[in-house]
PDB file of N, CA and C in Angstrom:
ATOM      1  N   MET A   1    -156.158 143.905 -75.910  1.00  0.00           N
ATOM      2  CA  MET A   1    -156.972 142.973 -75.762  1.00  0.00           C
ATOM      3  C   MET A   1    -156.758 141.734 -76.845  1.00  0.00           C
ATOM      4  N   THR A   2    -156.473 140.533 -76.317  1.00  0.00           N
ATOM      5  CA  THR A   2    -156.335 139.540 -77.298  1.00  0.00           C
ATOM      6  C   THR A   2    -157.493 138.398 -76.913  1.00  0.00           C
ATOM      7  N   VAL A   3    -158.594 138.426 -77.726  1.00  0.00           N
ATOM      8  CA  VAL A   3    -159.492 137.403 -77.497  1.00  0.00           C
ATOM      9  C   VAL A   3    -159.372 136.768 -79.021  1.00  0.00           C
ATOM     10  N   LEU A   4    -159.615 135.284 -78.580  1.00  0.00           N
ATOM     11  CA  LEU A   4    -159.297 134.409 -79.863  1.00  0.00           C
ATOM     12  C   LEU A   4    -160.417 133.603 -79.942  1.00  0.00           C
ATOM     13  N   ILE A   5    -160.861 133.313 -81.205  1.00  0.00           N
ATOM     14  CA  ILE A   5    -162.135 132.208 -81.316  1.00  0.00           C
ATOM     15  C   ILE A   5    -161.659 131.152 -82.613  1.00  0.00           C
ATOM     16  N   ASP A   6    -161.953 130.034 -82.260  1.00  0.00           N
ATOM     17  CA  ASP A   6    -161.586 129.149 -83.301  1.00  0.00           C
ATOM     18  C   ASP A   6    -162.970 128.820 -84.262  1.00  0.00           C
ATOM     19  N   GLU A   7    -162.558 128.174 -85.486  1.00  0.00           N
ATOM     20  CA  GLU A   7    -163.428 127.840 -86.357  1.00  0.00           C
ATOM     21  C   GLU A   7    -164.760 126.988 -85.702  1.00  0.00           C
ATOM     22  N   PRO A   8    -166.009 127.294 -86.012  1.00  0.00           N
ATOM     23  CA  PRO A   8    -167.201 126.585 -85.621  1.00  0.00           C
ATOM     24  C   PRO A   8    -166.997 125.187 -86.229  1.00  0.00           C
ATOM     25  N   ARG A   9    -166.614 124.278 -85.460  1.00  0.00           N
ATOM     26  CA  ARG A   9    -166.532 122.810 -85.673  1.00  0.00           C
ATOM     27  C   ARG A   9    -166.894 121.851 -84.686  1.00  0.00           C
ATOM     28  N   TRP A  10    -167.341 122.297 -83.503  1.00  0.00           N
ATOM     29  CA  TRP A  10    -167.752 121.301 -82.634  1.00  0.00           C
ATOM     30  C   TRP A  10    -169.037 121.207 -82.491  1.00  0.00           C
ATOM     31  N   HIS A  11    -169.426 119.885 -82.425  1.00  0.00           N
ATOM     32  CA  HIS A  11    -171.124 119.537 -82.698  1.00  0.00           C
ATOM     33  C   HIS A  11    -171.586 119.081 -81.391  1.00  0.00           C
ATOM     34  N   LEU A  12    -172.720 119.693 -81.108  1.00  0.00           N
ATOM     35  CA  LEU A  12    -173.403 119.380 -79.802  1.00  0.00           C
ATOM     36  C   LEU A  12    -174.734 119.898 -79.766  1.00  0.00           C
ATOM     37  N   HIS A  13    -175.766 119.181 -79.298  1.00  0.00           N
ATOM     38  CA  HIS A  13    -177.145 119.571 -79.136  1.00  0.00           C
ATOM     39  C   HIS A  13    -177.568 119.956 -80.497  1.00  0.00           C
ATOM     40  N   GLY A  14    -177.345 119.436 -81.552  1.00  0.00           N
ATOM     41  CA  GLY A  14    -177.816 119.844 -82.875  1.00  0.00           C
ATOM     42  C   GLY A  14    -177.188 121.111 -83.476  1.00  0.00           C
ATOM     43  N   ARG A  15    -176.111 121.654 -82.967  1.00  0.00           N
ATOM     44  CA  ARG A  15    -175.567 122.821 -83.264  1.00  0.00           C
ATOM     45  C   ARG A  15    -174.070 122.644 -83.639  1.00  0.00           C
ATOM     46  N   THR A  16    -173.528 123.613 -84.023  1.00  0.00           N
ATOM     47  CA  THR A  16    -171.958 123.646 -84.357  1.00  0.00           C
ATOM     48  C   THR A  16    -171.492 124.908 -83.550  1.00  0.00           C
ATOM     49  N   TRP A  17    -170.392 124.724 -82.931  1.00  0.00           N
ATOM     50  CA  TRP A  17    -169.957 125.616 -81.698  1.00  0.00           C
ATOM     51  C   TRP A  17    -168.410 126.079 -82.062  1.00  0.00           C
ATOM     52  N   SER A  18    -168.197 127.297 -81.746  1.00  0.00           N
ATOM     53  CA  SER A  18    -166.717 127.878 -81.496  1.00  0.00           C
ATOM     54  C   SER A  18    -166.430 127.963 -80.361  1.00  0.00           C
ATOM     55  N   HIS A  19    -164.990 128.056 -79.865  1.00  0.00           N
ATOM     56  CA  HIS A  19    -164.470 128.219 -78.455  1.00  0.00           C
ATOM     57  C   HIS A  19    -164.046 129.825 -78.672  1.00  0.00           C
ATOM     58  N   LEU A  20    -164.446 130.558 -77.546  1.00  0.00           N
ATOM     59  CA  LEU A  20    -163.990 131.868 -77.277  1.00  0.00           C
ATOM     60  C   LEU A  20    -163.170 131.887 -76.240  1.00  0.00           C
ATOM     61  N   VAL A  21    -161.682 132.451 -76.173  1.00  0.00           N
ATOM     62  CA  VAL A  21    -160.859 132.382 -75.166  1.00  0.00           C
ATOM     63  C   VAL A  21    -160.076 133.851 -75.107  1.00  0.00           C
ATOM     64  N   SER A  22    -159.221 134.028 -74.079  1.00  0.00           N
ATOM     65  CA  SER A  22    -158.567 135.205 -74.016  1.00  0.00           C
ATOM     66  C   SER A  22    -157.060 134.473 -73.768  1.00  0.00           C
ATOM     67  N   ASP A  23    -155.930 134.987 -74.389  1.00  0.00           N
ATOM     68  CA  ASP A  23    -154.673 134.739 -73.900  1.00  0.00           C
ATOM     69  C   ASP A  23    -154.091 135.641 -73.054  1.00  0.00           C
ATOM     70  N   GLU A  24    -154.841 136.529 -72.438  1.00  0.00           N
ATOM     71  CA  GLU A  24    -154.351 137.414 -71.539  1.00  0.00           C
ATOM     72  C   GLU A  24    -155.064 137.095 -69.834  1.00  0.00           C
ATOM     73  N   SER A  25    -156.249 137.097 -69.783  1.00  0.00           N
ATOM     74  CA  SER A  25    -156.851 136.795 -68.528  1.00  0.00           C
ATOM     75  C   SER A  25    -158.383 136.533 -68.747  1.00  0.00           C
ATOM     76  N   LEU A  26    -158.890 135.884 -67.664  1.00  0.00           N
ATOM     77  CA  LEU A  26    -160.246 135.504 -67.586  1.00  0.00           C
ATOM     78  C   LEU A  26    -161.103 136.630 -67.609  1.00  0.00           C
ATOM     79  N   ASP A  27    -160.631 137.835 -66.823  1.00  0.00           N
ATOM     80  CA  ASP A  27    -161.294 139.058 -66.773  1.00  0.00           C
ATOM     81  C   ASP A  27    -161.541 139.627 -68.076  1.00  0.00           C
ATOM     82  N   GLU A  28    -160.455 139.633 -68.921  1.00  0.00           N
ATOM     83  CA  GLU A  28    -160.658 139.996 -70.152  1.00  0.00           C
ATOM     84  C   GLU A  28    -161.666 139.524 -71.073  1.00  0.00           C
ATOM     85  N   LEU A  29    -161.603 138.055 -70.921  1.00  0.00           N
ATOM     86  CA  LEU A  29    -162.641 137.195 -71.658  1.00  0.00           C
ATOM     87  C   LEU A  29    -164.026 137.534 -71.154  1.00  0.00           C
ATOM     88  N   HIS A  30    -164.350 137.673 -69.906  1.00  0.00           N
ATOM     89  CA  HIS A  30    -165.617 137.847 -69.398  1.00  0.00           C
ATOM     90  C   HIS A  30    -166.047 139.250 -69.891  1.00  0.00           C
ATOM     91  N   ALA A  31    -165.093 140.053 -69.852  1.00  0.00           N
ATOM     92  CA  ALA A  31    -165.593 141.650 -70.284  1.00  0.00           C
ATOM     93  C   ALA A  31    -165.809 141.714 -71.653  1.00  0.00           C
ATOM     94  N   PHE A  32    -165.233 140.892 -72.682  1.00  0.00           N
ATOM     95  CA  PHE A  32    -165.440 140.582 -74.039  1.00  0.00           C
ATOM     96  C   PHE A  32    -167.007 140.102 -74.183  1.00  0.00           C
ATOM     97  N   ALA A  33    -167.133 138.997 -73.484  1.00  0.00           N
ATOM     98  CA  ALA A  33    -168.354 138.271 -73.446  1.00  0.00           C
ATOM     99  C   ALA A  33    -169.427 138.988 -73.140  1.00  0.00           C
ATOM    100  N   GLU A  34    -169.349 139.754 -71.958  1.00  0.00           N
ATOM    101  CA  GLU A  34    -170.573 140.715 -71.600  1.00  0.00           C
ATOM    102  C   GLU A  34    -170.712 141.643 -72.547  1.00  0.00           C
ATOM    103  N   ALA A  35    -169.655 142.425 -73.119  1.00  0.00           N
ATOM    104  CA  ALA A  35    -169.929 143.445 -74.050  1.00  0.00           C
ATOM    105  C   ALA A  35    -170.763 142.964 -75.288  1.00  0.00           C
ATOM    106  N   VAL A  36    -170.281 141.838 -75.829  1.00  0.00           N
ATOM    107  CA  VAL A  36    -171.093 141.404 -77.092  1.00  0.00           C
ATOM    108  C   VAL A  36    -172.272 140.460 -76.635  1.00  0.00           C
ATOM    109  N   GLY A  37    -172.795 140.240 -75.536  1.00  0.00           N
ATOM    110  CA  GLY A  37    -173.889 139.668 -75.188  1.00  0.00           C
ATOM    111  C   GLY A  37    -174.048 138.209 -74.988  1.00  0.00           C
ATOM    112  N   ILE A  38    -172.803 137.596 -74.720  1.00  0.00           N
ATOM    113  CA  ILE A  38    -172.665 136.204 -74.428  1.00  0.00           C
ATOM    114  C   ILE A  38    -173.160 135.708 -73.196  1.00  0.00           C
ATOM    115  N   PRO A  39    -174.115 134.995 -73.035  1.00  0.00           N
ATOM    116  CA  PRO A  39    -174.427 134.641 -71.487  1.00  0.00           C
ATOM    117  C   PRO A  39    -173.377 133.948 -70.687  1.00  0.00           C
ATOM    118  N   ARG A  40    -173.370 134.232 -69.392  1.00  0.00           N
ATOM    119  CA  ARG A  40    -172.268 133.573 -68.628  1.00  0.00           C
ATOM    120  C   ARG A  40    -172.460 132.122 -68.535  1.00  0.00           C
ATOM    121  N   ARG A  41    -173.727 131.620 -68.909  1.00  0.00           N
ATOM    122  CA  ARG A  41    -173.982 130.186 -68.790  1.00  0.00           C
ATOM    123  C   ARG A  41    -172.935 129.520 -70.084  1.00  0.00           C
ATOM    124  N   GLY A  42    -172.734 130.346 -70.804  1.00  0.00           N
ATOM    125  CA  GLY A  42    -171.716 129.647 -71.997  1.00  0.00           C
ATOM    126  C   GLY A  42    -170.346 129.574 -71.764  1.00  0.00           C
ATOM    127  N   PHE A  43    -169.954 129.932 -70.474  1.00  0.00           N
ATOM    128  CA  PHE A  43    -168.649 129.908 -69.891  1.00  0.00           C
ATOM    129  C   PHE A  43    -168.336 128.512 -69.164  1.00  0.00           C
ATOM    130  N   HIS A  44    -167.211 127.942 -69.592  1.00  0.00           N
ATOM    131  CA  HIS A  44    -166.869 126.569 -69.086  1.00  0.00           C
ATOM    132  C   HIS A  44    -165.466 126.429 -68.601  1.00  0.00           C
ATOM    133  N   GLY A  45    -165.102 127.547 -67.520  1.00  0.00           N
ATOM    134  CA  GLY A  45    -163.856 127.165 -66.655  1.00  0.00           C
ATOM    135  C   GLY A  45    -162.801 127.902 -67.549  1.00  0.00           C
ATOM    136  N   ASP A  46    -162.562 127.666 -68.878  1.00  0.00           N
ATOM    137  CA  ASP A  46    -161.644 128.495 -69.424  1.00  0.00           C
ATOM    138  C   ASP A  46    -161.773 129.133 -70.886  1.00  0.00           C
ATOM    139  N   HIS A  47    -163.179 128.845 -71.300  1.00  0.00           N
ATOM    140  CA  HIS A  47    -163.720 129.284 -72.591  1.00  0.00           C
ATOM    141  C   HIS A  47    -165.103 129.384 -72.550  1.00  0.00           C
ATOM    142  N   TYR A  48    -165.622 130.325 -73.547  1.00  0.00           N
ATOM    143  CA  TYR A  48    -167.161 130.347 -73.825  1.00  0.00           C
ATOM    144  C   TYR A  48    -167.293 129.543 -74.943  1.00  0.00           C
ATOM    145  N   ASP A  49    -168.386 128.935 -74.974  1.00  0.00           N
ATOM    146  CA  ASP A  49    -169.048 128.356 -76.291  1.00  0.00           C
ATOM    147  C   ASP A  49    -169.875 129.150 -77.003  1.00  0.00           C
ATOM    148  N   VAL A  50    -169.522 129.324 -78.342  1.00  0.00           N
ATOM    149  CA  VAL A  50    -170.436 130.312 -79.143  1.00  0.00           C
ATOM    150  C   VAL A  50    -171.108 129.654 -80.312  1.00  0.00           C
ATOM    151  N   PRO A  51    -172.121 129.730 -80.577  1.00  0.00           N
ATOM    152  CA  PRO A  51    -172.926 129.107 -81.503  1.00  0.00           C
ATOM    153  C   PRO A  51    -172.203 129.706 -83.025  1.00  0.00           C
ATOM    154  N   GLU A  52    -172.190 128.758 -83.808  1.00  0.00           N
ATOM    155  CA  GLU A  52    -171.703 129.000 -85.327  1.00  0.00           C
ATOM    156  C   GLU A  52    -172.428 130.319 -85.803  1.00  0.00           C
ATOM    157  N   GLU A  53    -173.787 130.554 -85.606  1.00  0.00           N
ATOM    158  CA  GLU A  53    -174.167 131.793 -86.260  1.00  0.00           C
ATOM    159  C   GLU A  53    -173.845 133.058 -85.793  1.00  0.00           C
ATOM    160  N   TYR A  54    -173.002 133.147 -84.614  1.00  0.00           N
ATOM    161  CA  TYR A  54    -172.580 134.202 -84.161  1.00  0.00           C
ATOM    162  C   TYR A  54    -170.926 134.427 -84.482  1.00  0.00           C
ATOM    163  N   TYR A  55    -170.531 133.504 -85.007  1.00  0.00           N
ATOM    164  CA  TYR A  55    -168.908 133.521 -85.431  1.00  0.00           C
ATOM    165  C   TYR A  55    -168.592 134.822 -86.028  1.00  0.00           C
ATOM    166  N   ASP A  56    -169.413 135.267 -87.191  1.00  0.00           N
ATOM    167  CA  ASP A  56    -168.868 136.424 -87.773  1.00  0.00           C
ATOM    168  C   ASP A  56    -169.075 137.759 -87.183  1.00  0.00           C
ATOM    169  N   GLU A  57    -170.099 137.786 -86.307  1.00  0.00           N
ATOM    170  CA  GLU A  57    -170.224 138.868 -85.413  1.00  0.00           C
ATOM    171  C   GLU A  57    -169.043 138.999 -84.185  1.00  0.00           C
ATOM    172  N   MET A  58    -168.737 137.921 -83.965  1.00  0.00           N
ATOM    173  CA  MET A  58    -167.598 138.010 -82.700  1.00  0.00           C
ATOM    174  C   MET A  58    -166.359 138.342 -83.282  1.00  0.00           C
ATOM    175  N   VAL A  59    -166.023 138.050 -84.676  1.00  0.00           N
ATOM    176  CA  VAL A  59    -164.930 138.546 -85.451  1.00  0.00           C
ATOM    177  C   VAL A  59    -165.067 140.004 -85.717  1.00  0.00           C
ATOM    178  N   ALA A  60    -166.039 140.456 -86.205  1.00  0.00           N
ATOM    179  CA  ALA A  60    -166.347 141.774 -86.351  1.00  0.00           C
ATOM    180  C   ALA A  60    -166.236 142.533 -85.104  1.00  0.00           C
ATOM    181  N   ARG A  61    -166.439 142.049 -84.009  1.00  0.00           N
ATOM    182  CA  ARG A  61    -166.269 142.909 -82.855  1.00  0.00           C
ATOM    183  C   ARG A  61    -164.879 142.614 -82.150  1.00  0.00           C
ATOM    184  N   GLY A  62    -164.015 141.966 -82.922  1.00  0.00           N
ATOM    185  CA  GLY A  62    -162.553 141.993 -82.421  1.00  0.00           C
ATOM    186  C   GLY A  62    -162.065 140.713 -81.929  1.00  0.00           C
ATOM    187  N   ALA A  63    -162.573 139.652 -81.951  1.00  0.00           N
ATOM    188  CA  ALA A  63    -162.132 138.328 -81.847  1.00  0.00           C
ATOM    189  C   ALA A  63    -161.174 137.800 -82.956  1.00  0.00           C
ATOM    190  N   VAL A  64    -160.128 137.260 -82.639  1.00  0.00           N
ATOM    191  CA  VAL A  64    -159.306 136.979 -83.638  1.00  0.00           C
ATOM    192  C   VAL A  64    -159.383 135.563 -84.160  1.00  0.00           C
ATOM    193  N   PRO A  65    -159.789 135.142 -85.406  1.00  0.00           N
ATOM    194  CA  PRO A  65    -159.823 133.779 -85.858  1.00  0.00           C
ATOM    195  C   PRO A  65    -158.413 133.137 -85.767  1.00  0.00           C
ATOM    196  N   THR A  66    -158.478 131.934 -84.960  1.00  0.00           N
ATOM    197  CA  THR A  66    -157.366 131.098 -84.573  1.00  0.00           C
ATOM    198  C   THR A  66    -157.626 129.664 -84.616  1.00  0.00           C
ATOM    199  N   PRO A  67    -156.668 128.983 -85.403  1.00  0.00           N
ATOM    200  CA  PRO A  67    -157.033 127.535 -85.523  1.00  0.00           C
ATOM    201  C   PRO A  67    -157.030 126.824 -84.153  1.00  0.00           C
ATOM    202  N   SER A  68    -157.663 125.954 -83.978  1.00  0.00           N
ATOM    203  CA  SER A  68    -158.048 125.237 -82.681  1.00  0.00           C
ATOM    204  C   SER A  68    -156.667 124.894 -82.050  1.00  0.00           C
ATOM    205  N   ARG A  69    -155.810 124.332 -82.623  1.00  0.00           N
ATOM    206  CA  ARG A  69    -154.549 123.860 -81.822  1.00  0.00           C
ATOM    207  C   ARG A  69    -153.828 125.139 -81.484  1.00  0.00           C
ATOM    208  N   GLU A  70    -153.762 126.359 -82.350  1.00  0.00           N
ATOM    209  CA  GLU A  70    -153.081 127.493 -81.587  1.00  0.00           C
ATOM    210  C   GLU A  70    -153.980 128.135 -80.531  1.00  0.00           C
ATOM    211  N   LEU A  71    -155.100 128.056 -80.678  1.00  0.00           N
ATOM    212  CA  LEU A  71    -155.893 128.698 -79.469  1.00  0.00           C
ATOM    213  C   LEU A  71    -155.504 127.904 -78.150  1.00  0.00           C
ATOM    214  N   VAL A  72    -155.477 126.521 -78.168  1.00  0.00           N
ATOM    215  CA  VAL A  72    -155.181 125.962 -77.001  1.00  0.00           C
ATOM    216  C   VAL A  72    -153.848 126.103 -76.719  1.00  0.00           C
ATOM    217  N   ARG A  73    -152.868 126.104 -77.727  1.00  0.00           N
ATOM    218  CA  ARG A  73    -151.583 126.360 -77.432  1.00  0.00           C
ATOM    219  C   ARG A  73    -151.268 127.776 -76.511  1.00  0.00           C
ATOM    220  N   ARG A  74    -151.920 128.919 -77.098  1.00  0.00           N
ATOM    221  CA  ARG A  74    -151.895 129.863 -76.360  1.00  0.00           C
ATOM    222  C   ARG A  74    -152.740 130.236 -74.943  1.00  0.00           C
ATOM    223  N   LEU A  75    -153.641 129.351 -74.870  1.00  0.00           N
ATOM    224  CA  LEU A  75    -154.369 129.299 -73.734  1.00  0.00           C
ATOM    225  C   LEU A  75    -153.635 128.700 -72.543  1.00  0.00           C
ATOM    226  N   ARG A  76    -152.953 127.520 -72.875  1.00  0.00           N
ATOM    227  CA  ARG A  76    -151.711 127.108 -72.159  1.00  0.00           C
ATOM    228  C   ARG A  76    -150.579 127.886 -71.732  1.00  0.00           C
ATOM    229  N   ALA A  77    -149.982 128.411 -72.851  1.00  0.00           N
ATOM    230  CA  ALA A  77    -148.892 129.385 -72.559  1.00  0.00           C
ATOM    231  C   ALA A  77    -149.354 130.538 -71.550  1.00  0.00           C
ATOM    232  N   ALA A  78    -150.707 131.073 -71.517  1.00  0.00           N
ATOM    233  CA  ALA A  78    -151.011 132.116 -70.643  1.00  0.00           C
ATOM    234  C   ALA A  78    -151.385 131.512 -69.288  1.00  0.00           C
ATOM    235  N   GLY A  79    -151.317 130.065 -69.039  1.00  0.00           N
ATOM    236  CA  GLY A  79    -151.660 129.597 -67.758  1.00  0.00           C
ATOM    237  C   GLY A  79    -153.050 129.490 -67.528  1.00  0.00           C
ATOM    238  N   LEU A  80    -153.751 129.686 -68.511  1.00  0.00           N
ATOM    239  CA  LEU A  80    -155.458 129.805 -68.367  1.00  0.00           C
ATOM    240  C   LEU A  80    -156.174 128.371 -68.650  1.00  0.00           C
ATOM    241  N   ARG A  81    -155.426 127.338 -69.370  1.00  0.00           N
ATOM    242  CA  ARG A  81    -155.865 126.079 -69.791  1.00  0.00           C
ATOM    243  C   ARG A  81    -156.326 125.393 -68.541  1.00  0.00           C
ATOM    244  N   LEU A  82    -157.542 124.731 -68.336  1.00  0.00           N
ATOM    245  CA  LEU A  82    -157.915 123.879 -67.433  1.00  0.00           C
ATOM    246  C   LEU A  82    -157.922 122.429 -68.142  1.00  0.00           C
ATOM    247  N   SER A  83    -157.839 121.599 -67.164  1.00  0.00           N
ATOM    248  CA  SER A  83    -157.832 120.107 -67.427  1.00  0.00           C
ATOM    249  C   SER A  83    -159.342 119.670 -67.650  1.00  0.00           C
ATOM    250  N   PRO A  84    -159.653 118.704 -68.356  1.00  0.00           N
ATOM    251  CA  PRO A  84    -161.192 118.485 -68.489  1.00  0.00           C
ATOM    252  C   PRO A  84    -161.746 118.120 -67.276  1.00  0.00           C
ATOM    253  N   ALA A  85    -161.233 117.569 -66.160  1.00  0.00           N
ATOM    254  CA  ALA A  85    -161.678 117.406 -64.887  1.00  0.00           C
ATOM    255  C   ALA A  85    -161.762 118.790 -64.126  1.00  0.00           C
ATOM    256  N   GLN A  86    -160.997 119.668 -64.429  1.00  0.00           N
ATOM    257  CA  GLN A  86    -161.089 121.075 -63.911  1.00  0.00           C
ATOM    258  C   GLN A  86    -162.330 121.831 -64.595  1.00  0.00           C
ATOM    259  N   ARG A  87    -162.386 121.415 -65.904  1.00  0.00           N
ATOM    260  CA  ARG A  87    -163.600 122.321 -66.494  1.00  0.00           C
ATOM    261  C   ARG A  87    -165.006 121.709 -66.093  1.00  0.00           C
ATOM    262  N   ARG A  88    -165.007 120.420 -65.857  1.00  0.00           N
ATOM    263  CA  ARG A  88    -166.350 119.784 -65.426  1.00  0.00           C
ATOM    264  C   ARG A  88    -166.569 120.347 -63.937  1.00  0.00           C
ATOM    265  N   ALA A  89    -165.559 120.529 -63.155  1.00  0.00           N
ATOM    266  CA  ALA A  89    -165.688 121.074 -61.731  1.00  0.00           C
ATOM    267  C   ALA A  89    -166.219 122.596 -61.902  1.00  0.00           C
ATOM    268  N   ALA A  90    -165.724 123.302 -62.754  1.00  0.00           N
ATOM    269  CA  ALA A  90    -166.011 124.541 -62.771  1.00  0.00           C
ATOM    270  C   ALA A  90    -167.360 124.955 -63.581  1.00  0.00           C
ATOM    271  N   GLY A  91    -167.930 123.803 -64.214  1.00  0.00           N
ATOM    272  CA  GLY A  91    -169.029 123.992 -65.150  1.00  0.00           C
ATOM    273  C   GLY A  91    -170.038 124.123 -64.318  1.00  0.00           C
TER     274      GLY A  91
END
């Protein structure tokens, strides 16, 4: 299982967020998210948004801290990265 999380640096709605992805499959990503209690509404087509205050817990539960650029590179390499238009449509 390879679930990756980037550093919390994305600001929206008065909070700071991380992205949680899998470089294997969406099934793996959904299984991890469900196991750690991330609601499905946090899924945006190819990633989950995770509030900053849950970052340490996600790492403790097995998510691998990964710089944002590397996270996107690995998501693309796995064929799981959606374009912005595809993410909006999946939203």
